[in-house]
PDB file of N, CA and C in Angstrom:
ATOM      1  N   MET A   1      84.686 102.026  89.879  1.00  0.00           N
ATOM      2  CA  MET A   1      85.794 101.863  88.446  1.00  0.00           C
ATOM      3  C   MET A   1      87.116 101.440  88.964  1.00  0.00           C
ATOM      4  N   PHE A   2      87.831 100.417  88.639  1.00  0.00           N
ATOM      5  CA  PHE A   2      89.024 100.129  89.264  1.00  0.00           C
ATOM      6  C   PHE A   2      90.310 100.909  88.465  1.00  0.00           C
ATOM      7  N   ASN A   3      91.172 101.377  88.949  1.00  0.00           N
ATOM      8  CA  ASN A   3      91.849 102.208  88.056  1.00  0.00           C
ATOM      9  C   ASN A   3      93.468 101.366  87.860  1.00  0.00           C
ATOM     10  N   TYR A   4      93.316 100.773  86.682  1.00  0.00           N
ATOM     11  CA  TYR A   4      94.511  99.639  86.334  1.00  0.00           C
ATOM     12  C   TYR A   4      95.834 100.543  85.945  1.00  0.00           C
ATOM     13  N   PHE A   5      96.936  99.600  86.300  1.00  0.00           N
ATOM     14  CA  PHE A   5      98.370 100.591  85.680  1.00  0.00           C
ATOM     15  C   PHE A   5      99.463  99.431  85.611  1.00  0.00           C
ATOM     16  N   TYR A   6     100.269  99.765  84.852  1.00  0.00           N
ATOM     17  CA  TYR A   6     101.271  98.679  84.727  1.00  0.00           C
ATOM     18  C   TYR A   6     102.410  99.252  84.880  1.00  0.00           C
ATOM     19  N   ILE A   7     103.287  98.768  85.758  1.00  0.00           N
ATOM     20  CA  ILE A   7     105.049  99.023  86.027  1.00  0.00           C
ATOM     21  C   ILE A   7     105.951  97.880  85.046  1.00  0.00           C
ATOM     22  N   GLU A   8     107.023  98.593  84.213  1.00  0.00           N
ATOM     23  CA  GLU A   8     107.611  97.814  83.264  1.00  0.00           C
ATOM     24  C   GLU A   8     108.896  98.642  83.028  1.00  0.00           C
ATOM     25  N   TYR A   9     109.707  97.901  82.682  1.00  0.00           N
ATOM     26  CA  TYR A   9     111.034  98.533  82.549  1.00  0.00           C
ATOM     27  C   TYR A   9     111.006  99.199  81.063  1.00  0.00           C
ATOM     28  N   THR A  10     110.287  99.382  80.210  1.00  0.00           N
ATOM     29  CA  THR A  10     109.767 100.484  79.324  1.00  0.00           C
ATOM     30  C   THR A  10     110.474 100.001  77.912  1.00  0.00           C
ATOM     31  N   PRO A  11     110.681  98.850  77.501  1.00  0.00           N
ATOM     32  CA  PRO A  11     110.832  98.498  75.927  1.00  0.00           C
ATOM     33  C   PRO A  11     109.914  99.113  75.160  1.00  0.00           C
ATOM     34  N   LYS A  12     109.883  99.190  74.006  1.00  0.00           N
ATOM     35  CA  LYS A  12     109.096  99.983  73.343  1.00  0.00           C
ATOM     36  C   LYS A  12     107.454  99.406  73.036  1.00  0.00           C
ATOM     37  N   PHE A  13     107.836  97.759  72.871  1.00  0.00           N
ATOM     38  CA  PHE A  13     106.383  97.252  72.774  1.00  0.00           C
ATOM     39  C   PHE A  13     105.674  97.180  74.135  1.00  0.00           C
ATOM     40  N   ILE A  14     106.127  97.367  75.393  1.00  0.00           N
ATOM     41  CA  ILE A  14     105.263  97.215  76.547  1.00  0.00           C
ATOM     42  C   ILE A  14     104.775  98.676  76.592  1.00  0.00           C
ATOM     43  N   VAL A  15     105.420  99.736  75.911  1.00  0.00           N
ATOM     44  CA  VAL A  15     104.410 101.042  75.874  1.00  0.00           C
ATOM     45  C   VAL A  15     103.495 101.063  74.883  1.00  0.00           C
ATOM     46  N   GLU A  16     103.566 100.627  73.610  1.00  0.00           N
ATOM     47  CA  GLU A  16     102.383 100.320  72.677  1.00  0.00           C
ATOM     48  C   GLU A  16     101.364  99.316  73.256  1.00  0.00           C
ATOM     49  N   VAL A  17     101.681  98.332  74.148  1.00  0.00           N
ATOM     50  CA  VAL A  17     100.521  97.544  74.842  1.00  0.00           C
ATOM     51  C   VAL A  17      99.530  98.244  75.439  1.00  0.00           C
ATOM     52  N   ALA A  18     100.447  98.979  76.657  1.00  0.00           N
ATOM     53  CA  ALA A  18      99.808  99.735  77.609  1.00  0.00           C
ATOM     54  C   ALA A  18      98.992 100.876  76.974  1.00  0.00           C
ATOM     55  N   ILE A  19      99.383 101.418  76.025  1.00  0.00           N
ATOM     56  CA  ILE A  19      98.949 102.567  75.066  1.00  0.00           C
ATOM     57  C   ILE A  19      97.489 101.659  74.430  1.00  0.00           C
ATOM     58  N   TYR A  20      97.673 100.646  74.059  1.00  0.00           N
ATOM     59  CA  TYR A  20      96.372 100.028  73.064  1.00  0.00           C
ATOM     60  C   TYR A  20      95.377  99.497  74.276  1.00  0.00           C
ATOM     61  N   ALA A  21      95.793  99.371  75.577  1.00  0.00           N
ATOM     62  CA  ALA A  21      94.859  98.976  76.367  1.00  0.00           C
ATOM     63  C   ALA A  21      94.420 100.076  77.179  1.00  0.00           C
ATOM     64  N   GLY A  22      95.182 101.334  77.336  1.00  0.00           N
ATOM     65  CA  GLY A  22      94.436 102.331  77.885  1.00  0.00           C
ATOM     66  C   GLY A  22      94.833 102.389  79.168  1.00  0.00           C
ATOM     67  N   VAL A  23      95.865 102.030  79.654  1.00  0.00           N
ATOM     68  CA  VAL A  23      96.413 101.983  81.039  1.00  0.00           C
ATOM     69  C   VAL A  23      97.545 102.846  81.317  1.00  0.00           C
ATOM     70  N   PRO A  24      97.461 103.479  82.463  1.00  0.00           N
ATOM     71  CA  PRO A  24      98.931 104.312  82.694  1.00  0.00           C
ATOM     72  C   PRO A  24      99.729 103.448  83.008  1.00  0.00           C
ATOM     73  N   LEU A  25     101.125 104.102  82.973  1.00  0.00           N
ATOM     74  CA  LEU A  25     102.590 103.135  83.062  1.00  0.00           C
ATOM     75  C   LEU A  25     103.442 103.929  84.096  1.00  0.00           C
ATOM     76  N   ILE A  26     104.162 102.962  84.938  1.00  0.00           N
ATOM     77  CA  ILE A  26     105.256 103.512  85.790  1.00  0.00           C
ATOM     78  C   ILE A  26     106.159 102.511  84.976  1.00  0.00           C
ATOM     79  N   CYS A  27     107.246 103.668  84.503  1.00  0.00           N
ATOM     80  CA  CYS A  27     108.206 103.511  83.899  1.00  0.00           C
ATOM     81  C   CYS A  27     109.752 103.255  84.745  1.00  0.00           C
ATOM     82  N   ILE A  28     110.152 102.167  84.603  1.00  0.00           N
ATOM     83  CA  ILE A  28     111.516 102.069  85.098  1.00  0.00           C
ATOM     84  C   ILE A  28     112.632 101.562  84.195  1.00  0.00           C
ATOM     85  N   PRO A  29     113.178 102.718  83.436  1.00  0.00           N
ATOM     86  CA  PRO A  29     114.184 102.296  82.454  1.00  0.00           C
ATOM     87  C   PRO A  29     115.500 101.992  83.052  1.00  0.00           C
ATOM     88  N   PHE A  30     116.031 101.365  81.912  1.00  0.00           N
ATOM     89  CA  PHE A  30     117.326 100.545  82.348  1.00  0.00           C
ATOM     90  C   PHE A  30     118.368 101.113  81.318  1.00  0.00           C
ATOM     91  N   ASN A  31     118.207 100.928  80.046  1.00  0.00           N
ATOM     92  CA  ASN A  31     119.094 101.443  78.980  1.00  0.00           C
ATOM     93  C   ASN A  31     118.490 101.581  77.680  1.00  0.00           C
ATOM     94  N   GLY A  32     119.444 101.432  76.642  1.00  0.00           N
ATOM     95  CA  GLY A  32     119.038 101.634  75.247  1.00  0.00           C
ATOM     96  C   GLY A  32     117.958 102.595  75.130  1.00  0.00           C
ATOM     97  N   ASP A  33     116.569 102.249  74.453  1.00  0.00           N
ATOM     98  CA  ASP A  33     115.834 103.549  74.088  1.00  0.00           C
ATOM     99  C   ASP A  33     114.688 103.501  75.089  1.00  0.00           C
ATOM    100  N   GLN A  34     114.894 102.731  76.606  1.00  0.00           N
ATOM    101  CA  GLN A  34     113.971 102.870  77.697  1.00  0.00           C
ATOM    102  C   GLN A  34     114.051 104.057  78.249  1.00  0.00           C
ATOM    103  N   PRO A  35     114.849 105.127  78.427  1.00  0.00           N
ATOM    104  CA  PRO A  35     114.710 106.264  78.727  1.00  0.00           C
ATOM    105  C   PRO A  35     114.044 107.304  77.902  1.00  0.00           C
ATOM    106  N   TYR A  36     114.317 107.019  76.660  1.00  0.00           N
ATOM    107  CA  TYR A  36     113.772 107.892  75.553  1.00  0.00           C
ATOM    108  C   TYR A  36     111.918 107.459  75.894  1.00  0.00           C
ATOM    109  N   ASN A  37     111.575 106.289  75.767  1.00  0.00           N
ATOM    110  CA  ASN A  37     110.471 105.696  76.001  1.00  0.00           C
ATOM    111  C   ASN A  37     109.603 106.422  77.058  1.00  0.00           C
ATOM    112  N   SER A  38     110.287 106.079  78.275  1.00  0.00           N
ATOM    113  CA  SER A  38     109.962 106.817  79.545  1.00  0.00           C
ATOM    114  C   SER A  38     109.535 108.056  79.504  1.00  0.00           C
ATOM    115  N   ALA A  39     110.364 108.880  78.690  1.00  0.00           N
ATOM    116  CA  ALA A  39     110.207 110.428  78.545  1.00  0.00           C
ATOM    117  C   ALA A  39     108.709 110.657  77.810  1.00  0.00           C
ATOM    118  N   ILE A  40     109.031 109.723  76.826  1.00  0.00           N
ATOM    119  CA  ILE A  40     107.590 110.012  75.726  1.00  0.00           C
ATOM    120  C   ILE A  40     106.392 109.672  76.688  1.00  0.00           C
ATOM    121  N   VAL A  41     106.151 108.506  77.213  1.00  0.00           N
ATOM    122  CA  VAL A  41     105.195 108.502  78.550  1.00  0.00           C
ATOM    123  C   VAL A  41     105.011 109.417  79.521  1.00  0.00           C
ATOM    124  N   GLU A  42     105.973 110.147  79.948  1.00  0.00           N
ATOM    125  CA  GLU A  42     105.719 111.347  81.060  1.00  0.00           C
ATOM    126  C   GLU A  42     105.072 112.510  80.020  1.00  0.00           C
ATOM    127  N   ASN A  43     105.699 112.673  79.002  1.00  0.00           N
ATOM    128  CA  ASN A  43     105.224 113.869  77.984  1.00  0.00           C
ATOM    129  C   ASN A  43     103.911 113.689  77.857  1.00  0.00           C
ATOM    130  N   LEU A  44     103.281 112.541  77.397  1.00  0.00           N
ATOM    131  CA  LEU A  44     101.931 112.473  77.256  1.00  0.00           C
ATOM    132  C   LEU A  44     101.263 112.125  78.462  1.00  0.00           C
ATOM    133  N   GLU A  45     101.982 112.260  79.360  1.00  0.00           N
ATOM    134  CA  GLU A  45     101.014 112.237  80.804  1.00  0.00           C
ATOM    135  C   GLU A  45     100.288 111.235  81.060  1.00  0.00           C
ATOM    136  N   ILE A  46     100.750 110.042  80.185  1.00  0.00           N
ATOM    137  CA  ILE A  46     100.072 108.725  80.477  1.00  0.00           C
ATOM    138  C   ILE A  46     100.836 107.839  81.597  1.00  0.00           C
ATOM    139  N   GLY A  47     101.641 108.157  82.139  1.00  0.00           N
ATOM    140  CA  GLY A  47     102.657 107.502  83.013  1.00  0.00           C
ATOM    141  C   GLY A  47     103.766 108.481  84.050  1.00  0.00           C
ATOM    142  N   MET A  48     104.551 107.630  84.632  1.00  0.00           N
ATOM    143  CA  MET A  48     105.638 108.534  85.196  1.00  0.00           C
ATOM    144  C   MET A  48     106.733 107.641  85.227  1.00  0.00           C
ATOM    145  N   TRP A  49     107.938 108.211  85.282  1.00  0.00           N
ATOM    146  CA  TRP A  49     109.451 107.536  85.247  1.00  0.00           C
ATOM    147  C   TRP A  49     109.874 107.458  86.865  1.00  0.00           C
ATOM    148  N   VAL A  50     110.321 106.390  87.120  1.00  0.00           N
ATOM    149  CA  VAL A  50     111.067 106.286  88.370  1.00  0.00           C
ATOM    150  C   VAL A  50     112.375 105.711  88.041  1.00  0.00           C
ATOM    151  N   GLU A  51     113.288 106.332  88.764  1.00  0.00           N
ATOM    152  CA  GLU A  51     114.956 106.155  88.300  1.00  0.00           C
ATOM    153  C   GLU A  51     115.047 104.886  89.346  1.00  0.00           C
ATOM    154  N   ARG A  52     115.910 104.114  88.412  1.00  0.00           N
ATOM    155  CA  ARG A  52     116.344 102.923  88.869  1.00  0.00           C
ATOM    156  C   ARG A  52     117.287 102.949  90.249  1.00  0.00           C
ATOM    157  N   GLU A  53     118.197 103.987  90.255  1.00  0.00           N
ATOM    158  CA  GLU A  53     118.692 104.228  91.295  1.00  0.00           C
ATOM    159  C   GLU A  53     117.974 104.680  92.421  1.00  0.00           C
ATOM    160  N   LYS A  54     116.724 104.996  92.652  1.00  0.00           N
ATOM    161  CA  LYS A  54     116.128 105.335  93.455  1.00  0.00           C
ATOM    162  C   LYS A  54     114.497 104.805  93.589  1.00  0.00           C
ATOM    163  N   ILE A  55     114.715 103.737  93.024  1.00  0.00           N
ATOM    164  CA  ILE A  55     113.313 102.991  92.810  1.00  0.00           C
ATOM    165  C   ILE A  55     112.817 102.701  94.714  1.00  0.00           C
ATOM    166  N   GLY A  56     113.667 102.281  95.450  1.00  0.00           N
ATOM    167  CA  GLY A  56     112.961 102.352  96.710  1.00  0.00           C
ATOM    168  C   GLY A  56     112.324 103.289  97.404  1.00  0.00           C
ATOM    169  N   GLU A  57     112.642 104.598  97.198  1.00  0.00           N
ATOM    170  CA  GLU A  57     112.019 105.710  97.466  1.00  0.00           C
ATOM    171  C   GLU A  57     110.897 106.368  96.431  1.00  0.00           C
ATOM    172  N   GLN A  58     111.086 106.330  95.232  1.00  0.00           N
ATOM    173  CA  GLN A  58     110.030 106.607  94.131  1.00  0.00           C
ATOM    174  C   GLN A  58     108.910 105.816  93.857  1.00  0.00           C
ATOM    175  N   ILE A  59     109.257 104.502  94.053  1.00  0.00           N
ATOM    176  CA  ILE A  59     108.042 103.250  93.468  1.00  0.00           C
ATOM    177  C   ILE A  59     106.581 103.539  94.238  1.00  0.00           C
ATOM    178  N   GLY A  60     106.938 103.746  95.538  1.00  0.00           N
ATOM    179  CA  GLY A  60     105.758 104.190  96.541  1.00  0.00           C
ATOM    180  C   GLY A  60     104.832 105.533  96.140  1.00  0.00           C
ATOM    181  N   GLU A  61     105.719 106.606  95.728  1.00  0.00           N
ATOM    182  CA  GLU A  61     105.300 107.543  95.499  1.00  0.00           C
ATOM    183  C   GLU A  61     104.457 107.796  94.133  1.00  0.00           C
ATOM    184  N   ALA A  62     105.097 106.973  93.224  1.00  0.00           N
ATOM    185  CA  ALA A  62     104.665 106.910  91.781  1.00  0.00           C
ATOM    186  C   ALA A  62     103.000 105.998  91.707  1.00  0.00           C
ATOM    187  N   LEU A  63     103.121 105.067  92.705  1.00  0.00           N
ATOM    188  CA  LEU A  63     101.921 104.178  92.755  1.00  0.00           C
ATOM    189  C   LEU A  63     100.718 105.177  93.435  1.00  0.00           C
ATOM    190  N   ILE A  64     101.134 105.694  94.268  1.00  0.00           N
ATOM    191  CA  ILE A  64     100.031 106.766  94.949  1.00  0.00           C
ATOM    192  C   ILE A  64      99.581 107.587  94.127  1.00  0.00           C
ATOM    193  N   GLU A  65     100.648 108.562  93.303  1.00  0.00           N
ATOM    194  CA  GLU A  65     100.205 109.275  92.205  1.00  0.00           C
ATOM    195  C   GLU A  65      99.226 108.723  91.175  1.00  0.00           C
ATOM    196  N   ILE A  66      99.738 107.770  90.969  1.00  0.00           N
ATOM    197  CA  ILE A  66      98.880 107.060  89.651  1.00  0.00           C
ATOM    198  C   ILE A  66      97.623 106.747  90.153  1.00  0.00           C
ATOM    199  N   LEU A  67      97.434 105.968  91.442  1.00  0.00           N
ATOM    200  CA  LEU A  67      95.965 105.653  91.714  1.00  0.00           C
ATOM    201  C   LEU A  67      95.136 106.668  92.227  1.00  0.00           C
ATOM    202  N   LYS A  68      95.833 107.789  92.700  1.00  0.00           N
ATOM    203  CA  LYS A  68      95.062 108.963  93.286  1.00  0.00           C
ATOM    204  C   LYS A  68      94.352 109.833  92.188  1.00  0.00           C
ATOM    205  N   LYS A  69      95.419 110.189  91.276  1.00  0.00           N
ATOM    206  CA  LYS A  69      95.296 111.243  90.190  1.00  0.00           C
ATOM    207  C   LYS A  69      94.451 110.554  89.012  1.00  0.00           C
ATOM    208  N   LYS A  70      93.589 110.953  88.653  1.00  0.00           N
ATOM    209  CA  LYS A  70      92.908 110.093  87.748  1.00  0.00           C
ATOM    210  C   LYS A  70      93.530 110.757  85.904  1.00  0.00           C
ATOM    211  N   LYS A  71      94.323 111.937  86.125  1.00  0.00           N
ATOM    212  CA  LYS A  71      94.555 112.524  85.048  1.00  0.00           C
ATOM    213  C   LYS A  71      95.494 111.229  84.133  1.00  0.00           C
ATOM    214  N   TYR A  72      96.182 110.540  84.594  1.00  0.00           N
ATOM    215  CA  TYR A  72      97.014 109.470  84.069  1.00  0.00           C
ATOM    216  C   TYR A  72      96.112 108.539  83.234  1.00  0.00           C
ATOM    217  N   THR A  73      95.217 107.824  84.023  1.00  0.00           N
ATOM    218  CA  THR A  73      94.318 107.045  83.475  1.00  0.00           C
ATOM    219  C   THR A  73      93.288 107.682  82.481  1.00  0.00           C
ATOM    220  N   LYS A  74      92.743 108.946  82.594  1.00  0.00           N
ATOM    221  CA  LYS A  74      92.272 109.718  81.306  1.00  0.00           C
ATOM    222  C   LYS A  74      92.931 109.792  80.406  1.00  0.00           C
ATOM    223  N   ALA A  75      94.338 110.450  80.703  1.00  0.00           N
ATOM    224  CA  ALA A  75      95.123 110.490  79.401  1.00  0.00           C
ATOM    225  C   ALA A  75      95.186 109.150  78.583  1.00  0.00           C
ATOM    226  N   ALA A  76      95.646 108.172  79.149  1.00  0.00           N
ATOM    227  CA  ALA A  76      95.714 106.798  78.453  1.00  0.00           C
ATOM    228  C   ALA A  76      94.515 106.398  77.796  1.00  0.00           C
ATOM    229  N   ARG A  77      93.605 106.737  78.540  1.00  0.00           N
ATOM    230  CA  ARG A  77      92.202 105.915  77.731  1.00  0.00           C
ATOM    231  C   ARG A  77      91.915 106.924  76.583  1.00  0.00           C
ATOM    232  N   GLU A  78      92.219 108.125  76.643  1.00  0.00           N
ATOM    233  CA  GLU A  78      92.110 109.098  75.509  1.00  0.00           C
ATOM    234  C   GLU A  78      92.805 109.063  74.346  1.00  0.00           C
ATOM    235  N   LEU A  79      94.056 108.634  74.912  1.00  0.00           N
ATOM    236  CA  LEU A  79      95.209 108.399  73.661  1.00  0.00           C
ATOM    237  C   LEU A  79      94.741 107.068  73.002  1.00  0.00           C
ATOM    238  N   ARG A  80      94.423 105.990  73.837  1.00  0.00           N
ATOM    239  CA  ARG A  80      93.851 104.599  73.072  1.00  0.00           C
ATOM    240  C   ARG A  80      92.521 104.975  72.297  1.00  0.00           C
ATOM    241  N   ASN A  81      91.878 105.667  72.453  1.00  0.00           N
ATOM    242  CA  ASN A  81      90.701 105.970  71.748  1.00  0.00           C
ATOM    243  C   ASN A  81      90.754 106.784  70.530  1.00  0.00           C
ATOM    244  N   LYS A  82      91.832 107.710  70.585  1.00  0.00           N
ATOM    245  CA  LYS A  82      92.148 108.580  69.290  1.00  0.00           C
ATOM    246  C   LYS A  82      92.872 107.466  68.544  1.00  0.00           C
ATOM    247  N   ILE A  83      93.682 106.489  68.874  1.00  0.00           N
ATOM    248  CA  ILE A  83      94.254 105.478  67.998  1.00  0.00           C
ATOM    249  C   ILE A  83      93.507 104.502  67.557  1.00  0.00           C
ATOM    250  N   LEU A  84      92.606 104.150  68.290  1.00  0.00           N
ATOM    251  CA  LEU A  84      91.162 103.243  67.619  1.00  0.00           C
ATOM    252  C   LEU A  84      90.553 103.777  66.648  1.00  0.00           C
ATOM    253  N   LYS A  85      90.687 105.066  66.493  1.00  0.00           N
ATOM    254  CA  LYS A  85      89.795 105.789  65.649  1.00  0.00           C
ATOM    255  C   LYS A  85      90.464 106.018  64.241  1.00  0.00           C
ATOM    256  N   LEU A  86      91.804 105.708  64.626  1.00  0.00           N
ATOM    257  CA  LEU A  86      92.578 106.044  63.014  1.00  0.00           C
ATOM    258  C   LEU A  86      92.297 104.533  62.112  1.00  0.00           C
ATOM    259  N   PRO A  87      92.171 104.799  61.060  1.00  0.00           N
ATOM    260  CA  PRO A  87      92.171 103.820  59.951  1.00  0.00           C
ATOM    261  C   PRO A  87      93.187 102.981  60.012  1.00  0.00           C
ATOM    262  N   PRO A  88      93.057 101.708  59.523  1.00  0.00           N
ATOM    263  CA  PRO A  88      94.287 100.785  59.695  1.00  0.00           C
ATOM    264  C   PRO A  88      95.499 101.441  59.072  1.00  0.00           C
ATOM    265  N   ARG A  89      96.386 101.156  59.709  1.00  0.00           N
ATOM    266  CA  ARG A  89      97.694 101.668  58.535  1.00  0.00           C
ATOM    267  C   ARG A  89      97.833 101.003  56.752  1.00  0.00           C
ATOM    268  N   LYS A  90      97.285  99.727  56.808  1.00  0.00           N
ATOM    269  CA  LYS A  90      97.521  99.127  55.703  1.00  0.00           C
ATOM    270  C   LYS A  90      96.448  99.885  54.879  1.00  0.00           C
ATOM    271  N   HIS A  91      95.433 100.710  55.306  1.00  0.00           N
ATOM    272  CA  HIS A  91      94.371 101.480  54.400  1.00  0.00           C
ATOM    273  C   HIS A  91      95.010 102.646  53.990  1.00  0.00           C
ATOM    274  N   ILE A  92      95.773 102.974  54.955  1.00  0.00           N
ATOM    275  CA  ILE A  92      96.773 104.472  54.506  1.00  0.00           C
ATOM    276  C   ILE A  92      97.585 104.272  53.908  1.00  0.00           C
ATOM    277  N   PHE A  93      98.373 103.383  53.904  1.00  0.00           N
ATOM    278  CA  PHE A  93      99.532 102.987  52.836  1.00  0.00           C
ATOM    279  C   PHE A  93      98.843 102.790  51.392  1.00  0.00           C
ATOM    280  N   LEU A  94      97.764 102.202  51.309  1.00  0.00           N
ATOM    281  CA  LEU A  94      97.088 101.868  50.018  1.00  0.00           C
ATOM    282  C   LEU A  94      96.590 102.982  49.570  1.00  0.00           C
ATOM    283  N   GLU A  95      96.022 104.014  50.290  1.00  0.00           N
ATOM    284  CA  GLU A  95      95.561 105.383  49.687  1.00  0.00           C
ATOM    285  C   GLU A  95      96.923 106.094  49.190  1.00  0.00           C
ATOM    286  N   LYS A  96      97.806 105.990  49.827  1.00  0.00           N
ATOM    287  CA  LYS A  96      99.279 106.874  49.501  1.00  0.00           C
ATOM    288  C   LYS A  96      99.204 106.195  48.080  1.00  0.00           C
ATOM    289  N   ILE A  97      99.592 105.030  48.303  1.00  0.00           N
ATOM    290  CA  ILE A  97      99.907 104.499  46.369  1.00  0.00           C
ATOM    291  C   ILE A  97      99.248 104.678  45.522  1.00  0.00           C
ATOM    292  N   ALA A  98      97.552 104.570  45.955  1.00  0.00           N
ATOM    293  CA  ALA A  98      96.695 105.107  45.016  1.00  0.00           C
ATOM    294  C   ALA A  98      96.952 106.664  44.314  1.00  0.00           C
ATOM    295  N   GLU A  99      97.246 107.462  45.437  1.00  0.00           N
ATOM    296  CA  GLU A  99      97.363 108.747  44.889  1.00  0.00           C
ATOM    297  C   GLU A  99      98.743 109.157  44.317  1.00  0.00           C
ATOM    298  N   ALA A 100      99.618 108.268  44.668  1.00  0.00           N
ATOM    299  CA  ALA A 100     101.086 108.393  43.807  1.00  0.00           C
ATOM    300  C   ALA A 100     100.651 108.051  42.453  1.00  0.00           C
ATOM    301  N   ILE A 101      99.959 106.887  42.225  1.00  0.00           N
ATOM    302  CA  ILE A 101      99.615 106.314  41.144  1.00  0.00           C
ATOM    303  C   ILE A 101      98.888 107.312  40.144  1.00  0.00           C
ATOM    304  N   LYS A 102      97.760 108.052  40.690  1.00  0.00           N
ATOM    305  CA  LYS A 102      97.092 109.015  40.096  1.00  0.00           C
ATOM    306  C   LYS A 102      98.090 110.172  39.489  1.00  0.00           C
ATOM    307  N   GLU A 103      99.050 110.285  40.424  1.00  0.00           N
ATOM    308  CA  GLU A 103      99.680 111.544  40.204  1.00  0.00           C
ATOM    309  C   GLU A 103     100.705 111.435  39.221  1.00  0.00           C
ATOM    310  N   ASN A 104     101.035 110.178  38.658  1.00  0.00           N
ATOM    311  CA  ASN A 104     101.940 109.845  37.564  1.00  0.00           C
ATOM    312  C   ASN A 104     101.125 109.223  36.574  1.00  0.00           C
TER     313      ASN A 104
END
């Protein structure tokens, strides 16, 4: 079985795409919300954060870690499966509106 991963500078939509695909990330945050997004990725254990200033020394270590330790792929796939089991947001939104109408 292949172990796919994604290396990116971590804008929010890329994190969402990787989660939807169920693949771990190697994050290289630059600015804005990217450090925050990278911290979430590490906290969820679906990837690793590589410091931009130390990319030369850390990227190889991160690649080896992601490829050798299956916990990142496992966590990414589990999160994907949890999300796919959720009802569509439109459905949730309409249910909440129906509940609010019933209460009034």
